[in-house]
Amino acid sequence: MSEFTIIVPVYNEEENLVRLQKKLIDFFKISLIESQVLFIDDGSTDSSKKLIKHICQKDSRFKAIYLSKNYGLSTALKAGFDNVQTKYTGYIDADLQTSPLDFNLLLKYRSNYDLIIGRRQKRNDTYIKKISSKIANSVRIFFTKDGISDTGCPLKVIRTSYAQRIPMFKGMHRFLPAMVLLEKGKVKEIEIQHYARVAGKSKFGLHNRFWGPLSDCFAYLWMKRKYIHYEINNEEIDHSSSE
């Protein structure tokens, strides 16, 4: 029985899906725990949906949810979180700029941490992508104090119980470490490999890599101020009357 479900949001990634399937099967062979995959087709307009259906028909370890239109990454992740039934949930992008094999680096810490997130070393991206992400991460850290240097890294493992109870809104995928910390969870960052995109097109530009996260920081601060925490004291109360 599977303990680990890997969520893969997909939006127009037809050129990467066959290669991704092979890489995920390679991971299944060495995974530290029994694993499966849940594709979230986020309203793709190319052949992605057809390819996903074919993959799922051939291998029962692959399942899929098909959203009615393109809602964006945060919504796709929430749809995945809401439907995962295993103890642990993973997340990887379909572009294979991170390797499924590196999930084992994160899974080693699953017993002691509630979210384990990759940190891309020797990042293989354009200068514009790297500098905009660096600035965005610096701004986010200033607001959240979460201590995570690369929250945009698309390789994560989260305890499903945390994934399913943190509030999600558009842009909140960048704040998973901060939200887990708000829930009194433990977060760890691990160095992983990073590769250049070899097929398909990036879905993020300067606007949604910098200006979007900046405005989301204010939404996070509002939520942090309003966040509800409570503890229950179940100690037995002595109702006996004193003499």
Protein backbone atom coordinates (compact mmCIF):
# COMPACT_ATOMS: atom_id res chain seq x y z
CA MET A 1 0.00 0.00 0.00
CA SER A 2 1.35 3.41 -0.99
CA GLU A 3 2.55 5.82 1.68
CA PHE A 4 3.62 8.60 -0.68
CA THR A 5 1.70 10.43 -3.43
CA ILE A 6 3.59 12.70 -5.81
CA ILE A 7 1.45 15.56 -7.12
CA VAL A 8 2.42 16.72 -10.62
CA PRO A 9 0.61 19.88 -11.82
CA VAL A 10 0.49 19.91 -15.61
CA TYR A 11 -0.30 22.78 -17.96
CA ASN A 12 0.66 22.26 -21.62
CA GLU A 13 3.62 19.95 -21.03
CA GLU A 14 3.04 17.45 -23.86
CA GLU A 15 6.73 17.47 -24.80
CA ASN A 16 7.81 16.42 -21.30
CA LEU A 17 5.23 13.85 -20.19
CA VAL A 18 6.69 10.66 -21.70
CA ARG A 19 10.13 11.53 -20.34
CA LEU A 20 8.56 12.39 -16.97
CA GLN A 21 6.75 9.05 -16.85
CA LYS A 22 10.03 7.18 -17.36
CA LYS A 23 11.80 9.20 -14.66
CA LEU A 24 8.98 8.57 -12.18
CA ILE A 25 9.06 4.83 -12.89
CA ASP A 26 12.82 4.91 -12.24
CA PHE A 27 12.06 6.55 -8.89
CA PHE A 28 9.48 3.88 -8.00
CA LYS A 29 12.25 1.28 -8.26
CA ILE A 30 14.40 2.95 -5.58
CA SER A 31 11.88 4.88 -3.48
CA LEU A 32 12.33 4.61 0.28
CA ILE A 33 8.57 4.07 0.63
CA GLU A 34 5.81 2.76 -1.66
CA SER A 35 4.87 5.60 -4.02
CA GLN A 36 2.30 6.67 -6.59
CA VAL A 37 1.60 9.73 -8.77
CA LEU A 38 -1.37 12.07 -9.05
CA PHE A 39 -1.35 14.26 -12.16
CA ILE A 40 -3.37 17.50 -11.92
CA ASP A 41 -4.15 18.62 -15.46
CA ASP A 42 -4.71 22.36 -15.06
CA GLY A 43 -6.84 22.92 -18.14
CA SER A 44 -4.17 22.05 -20.72
CA THR A 45 -4.98 23.05 -24.30
CA ASP A 46 -2.37 20.82 -25.99
CA SER A 47 -2.19 16.99 -25.96
CA SER A 48 -1.24 16.75 -22.27
CA LYS A 49 -4.65 15.47 -21.15
CA LYS A 50 -4.65 12.71 -23.77
CA LEU A 51 -1.11 11.64 -22.82
CA ILE A 52 -1.96 11.61 -19.11
CA LYS A 53 -4.98 9.39 -19.74
CA HIS A 54 -2.79 6.99 -21.71
CA ILE A 55 -0.18 6.86 -18.94
CA CYS A 56 -2.83 6.19 -16.28
CA GLN A 57 -4.44 3.42 -18.34
CA LYS A 58 -1.12 1.60 -18.70
CA ASP A 59 0.03 1.84 -15.07
CA SER A 60 -2.25 1.86 -11.99
CA ARG A 61 0.40 3.74 -10.00
CA PHE A 62 -0.51 6.83 -12.03
CA LYS A 63 -3.82 8.60 -11.41
CA ALA A 64 -5.16 11.97 -12.57
CA ILE A 65 -7.55 14.83 -11.90
CA TYR A 66 -8.62 17.05 -14.79
CA LEU A 67 -9.54 20.63 -13.92
CA SER A 68 -12.18 22.32 -16.07
CA LYS A 69 -9.92 25.24 -17.01
CA ASN A 70 -6.53 26.76 -16.21
CA TYR A 71 -6.76 27.89 -12.58
CA GLY A 72 -3.06 28.29 -11.76
CA LEU A 73 -0.50 26.45 -9.66
CA SER A 74 -1.92 27.12 -6.20
CA THR A 75 -5.35 25.81 -7.20
CA ALA A 76 -3.82 22.75 -8.85
CA LEU A 77 -1.87 22.00 -5.68
CA LYS A 78 -4.96 22.40 -3.52
CA ALA A 79 -6.89 20.02 -5.76
CA GLY A 80 -4.06 17.54 -5.27
CA PHE A 81 -3.84 18.03 -1.51
CA ASP A 82 -7.60 17.60 -1.17
CA ASN A 83 -7.52 14.22 -2.93
CA VAL A 84 -4.36 12.62 -1.53
CA GLN A 85 -4.98 9.72 0.85
CA THR A 86 -1.43 8.68 1.69
CA LYS A 87 0.53 9.75 4.76
CA TYR A 88 2.99 11.86 2.76
CA THR A 89 2.55 14.12 -0.25
CA GLY A 90 5.24 15.17 -2.72
CA TYR A 91 5.29 17.88 -5.36
CA ILE A 92 7.33 18.12 -8.54
CA ASP A 93 6.93 20.17 -11.72
CA ALA A 94 6.39 18.39 -15.03
CA ASP A 95 9.32 20.19 -16.70
CA LEU A 96 11.91 17.90 -15.04
CA GLN A 97 14.18 20.73 -13.98
CA THR A 98 14.30 18.77 -10.74
CA SER A 99 14.72 14.99 -10.59
CA PRO A 100 12.21 12.59 -9.00
CA LEU A 101 15.21 10.57 -7.81
CA ASP A 102 16.00 13.38 -5.36
CA PHE A 103 12.76 12.70 -3.49
CA ASN A 104 14.74 10.13 -1.51
CA LEU A 105 17.01 12.91 -0.22
CA LEU A 106 13.92 14.57 1.25
CA LEU A 107 12.09 11.42 2.38
CA LYS A 108 14.99 10.53 4.68
CA TYR A 109 13.81 13.33 6.99
CA ARG A 110 10.08 12.56 6.86
CA SER A 111 9.88 11.21 10.42
CA ASN A 112 11.30 14.35 12.03
CA TYR A 113 9.94 17.13 9.79
CA ASP A 114 6.51 18.07 8.48
CA LEU A 115 7.79 19.79 5.32
CA ILE A 116 11.05 19.07 3.54
CA ILE A 117 11.85 21.38 0.66
CA GLY A 118 14.61 21.25 -1.94
CA ARG A 119 17.13 24.01 -2.46
CA ARG A 120 18.37 24.22 -6.05
CA GLN A 121 22.16 24.23 -6.21
CA LYS A 122 23.95 25.40 -9.38
CA ARG A 123 20.66 26.57 -10.81
CA ASN A 124 20.36 26.09 -14.59
CA ASP A 125 18.14 29.03 -15.51
CA THR A 126 18.49 32.32 -17.35
CA TYR A 127 20.03 35.28 -15.56
CA ILE A 128 16.64 37.06 -15.46
CA LYS A 129 14.94 34.05 -13.83
CA LYS A 130 17.70 33.64 -11.27
CA ILE A 131 17.91 37.30 -10.25
CA SER A 132 14.12 37.80 -10.11
CA SER A 133 13.74 34.67 -7.96
CA LYS A 134 16.58 35.78 -5.69
CA ILE A 135 14.96 39.18 -5.15
CA ALA A 136 11.53 37.61 -4.61
CA ASN A 137 12.94 35.16 -2.06
CA SER A 138 14.70 37.98 -0.20
CA VAL A 139 11.47 39.99 0.00
CA ARG A 140 9.47 36.96 1.13
CA ILE A 141 12.00 36.06 3.83
CA PHE A 142 11.86 39.65 5.09
CA PHE A 143 8.08 39.36 5.50
CA THR A 144 7.72 35.76 6.68
CA LYS A 145 10.97 35.07 8.59
CA ASP A 146 10.60 31.43 7.51
CA GLY A 147 14.36 30.95 6.97
CA ILE A 148 13.88 29.14 3.65
CA SER A 149 16.15 30.41 0.86
CA ASP A 150 14.41 28.76 -2.13
CA THR A 151 10.71 28.36 -1.42
CA GLY A 152 10.00 28.29 -5.18
CA CYS A 153 11.89 25.02 -5.59
CA PRO A 154 9.47 22.57 -7.24
CA LEU A 155 10.51 19.57 -5.16
CA LYS A 156 8.83 19.18 -1.79
CA VAL A 157 7.62 16.52 0.64
CA ILE A 158 4.91 17.44 3.13
CA ARG A 159 3.03 15.44 5.72
CA THR A 160 -0.45 15.16 4.23
CA SER A 161 -2.20 16.12 7.46
CA TYR A 162 -0.47 19.52 7.24
CA ALA A 163 -1.09 19.93 3.52
CA GLN A 164 -4.81 19.40 3.99
CA ARG A 165 -5.34 21.84 6.84
CA ILE A 166 -3.33 24.89 5.83
CA PRO A 167 -5.42 27.58 4.09
CA MET A 168 -4.67 28.01 0.40
CA PHE A 169 -5.23 30.99 -1.87
CA LYS A 170 -3.73 32.07 -5.19
CA GLY A 171 0.00 32.54 -4.73
CA MET A 172 0.09 30.59 -1.49
CA HIS A 173 2.27 27.85 -3.04
CA ARG A 174 5.19 30.22 -2.38
CA PHE A 175 4.34 30.32 1.32
CA LEU A 176 4.06 26.62 2.19
CA PRO A 177 7.04 26.75 4.61
CA ALA A 178 5.63 29.83 6.36
CA MET A 179 2.15 28.26 6.57
CA VAL A 180 3.52 25.01 8.02
CA LEU A 181 5.44 27.04 10.60
CA LEU A 182 2.21 28.86 11.49
CA GLU A 183 0.74 25.42 12.18
CA LYS A 184 3.66 24.77 14.56
CA GLY A 185 5.19 22.29 12.11
CA LYS A 186 8.89 21.67 11.48
CA VAL A 187 10.53 22.57 8.16
CA LYS A 188 13.87 21.53 6.65
CA GLU A 189 15.66 22.58 3.44
CA ILE A 190 17.90 20.13 1.53
CA GLU A 191 20.21 20.76 -1.43
CA ILE A 192 19.13 19.04 -4.66
CA GLN A 193 20.18 18.96 -8.30
CA HIS A 194 18.75 21.36 -10.87
CA TYR A 195 18.61 21.01 -14.65
CA ALA A 196 17.93 23.25 -17.62
CA ARG A 197 14.49 22.99 -19.22
CA VAL A 198 14.89 20.98 -22.44
CA ALA A 199 11.30 21.07 -23.73
CA GLY A 200 8.16 23.16 -23.34
CA LYS A 201 7.90 26.72 -22.12
CA SER A 202 8.08 28.26 -18.66
CA LYS A 203 4.71 29.42 -17.32
CA PHE A 204 6.25 32.15 -15.15
CA GLY A 205 7.58 35.55 -16.13
CA LEU A 206 8.86 38.61 -14.28
CA HIS A 207 5.35 39.63 -13.19
CA ASN A 208 4.37 36.38 -11.50
CA ARG A 209 7.89 35.70 -10.25
CA PHE A 210 8.35 39.06 -8.50
CA TRP A 211 5.36 41.43 -8.42
CA GLY A 212 2.87 38.67 -7.69
CA PRO A 213 4.85 37.32 -4.70
CA LEU A 214 5.33 40.86 -3.37
CA SER A 215 1.58 41.48 -3.20
CA ASP A 216 1.04 37.99 -1.75
CA CYS A 217 3.36 38.88 1.14
CA PHE A 218 0.78 41.38 2.37
CA ALA A 219 -1.93 38.73 2.16
CA TYR A 220 0.27 36.42 4.23
CA LEU A 221 0.88 39.11 6.87
CA TRP A 222 -2.89 39.69 7.16
CA MET A 223 -3.46 35.96 7.57
CA LYS A 224 -0.68 35.65 10.14
CA ARG A 225 -2.24 38.40 12.28
CA LYS A 226 -5.67 36.76 12.06
CA TYR A 227 -4.52 33.13 12.37
CA ILE A 228 -6.32 31.11 15.05
CA HIS A 229 -4.37 28.91 17.46
CA TYR A 230 -5.71 27.13 20.50
CA GLU A 231 -4.80 24.31 22.85
CA ILE A 232 -7.15 22.00 24.72
CA ASN A 233 -6.47 21.18 28.35
CA ASN A 234 -7.95 17.75 29.03
CA GLU A 235 -6.62 17.41 32.54
CA GLU A 236 -9.17 15.85 34.84
CA ILE A 237 -10.89 18.36 37.09
CA ASP A 238 -11.48 17.31 40.69
CA HIS A 239 -15.14 18.09 41.44
CA SER A 240 -15.03 16.72 44.95
CA SER A 241 -15.93 19.30 47.60
CA SER A 242 -13.35 20.19 50.19
CA GLU A 243 -14.13 19.49 53.81
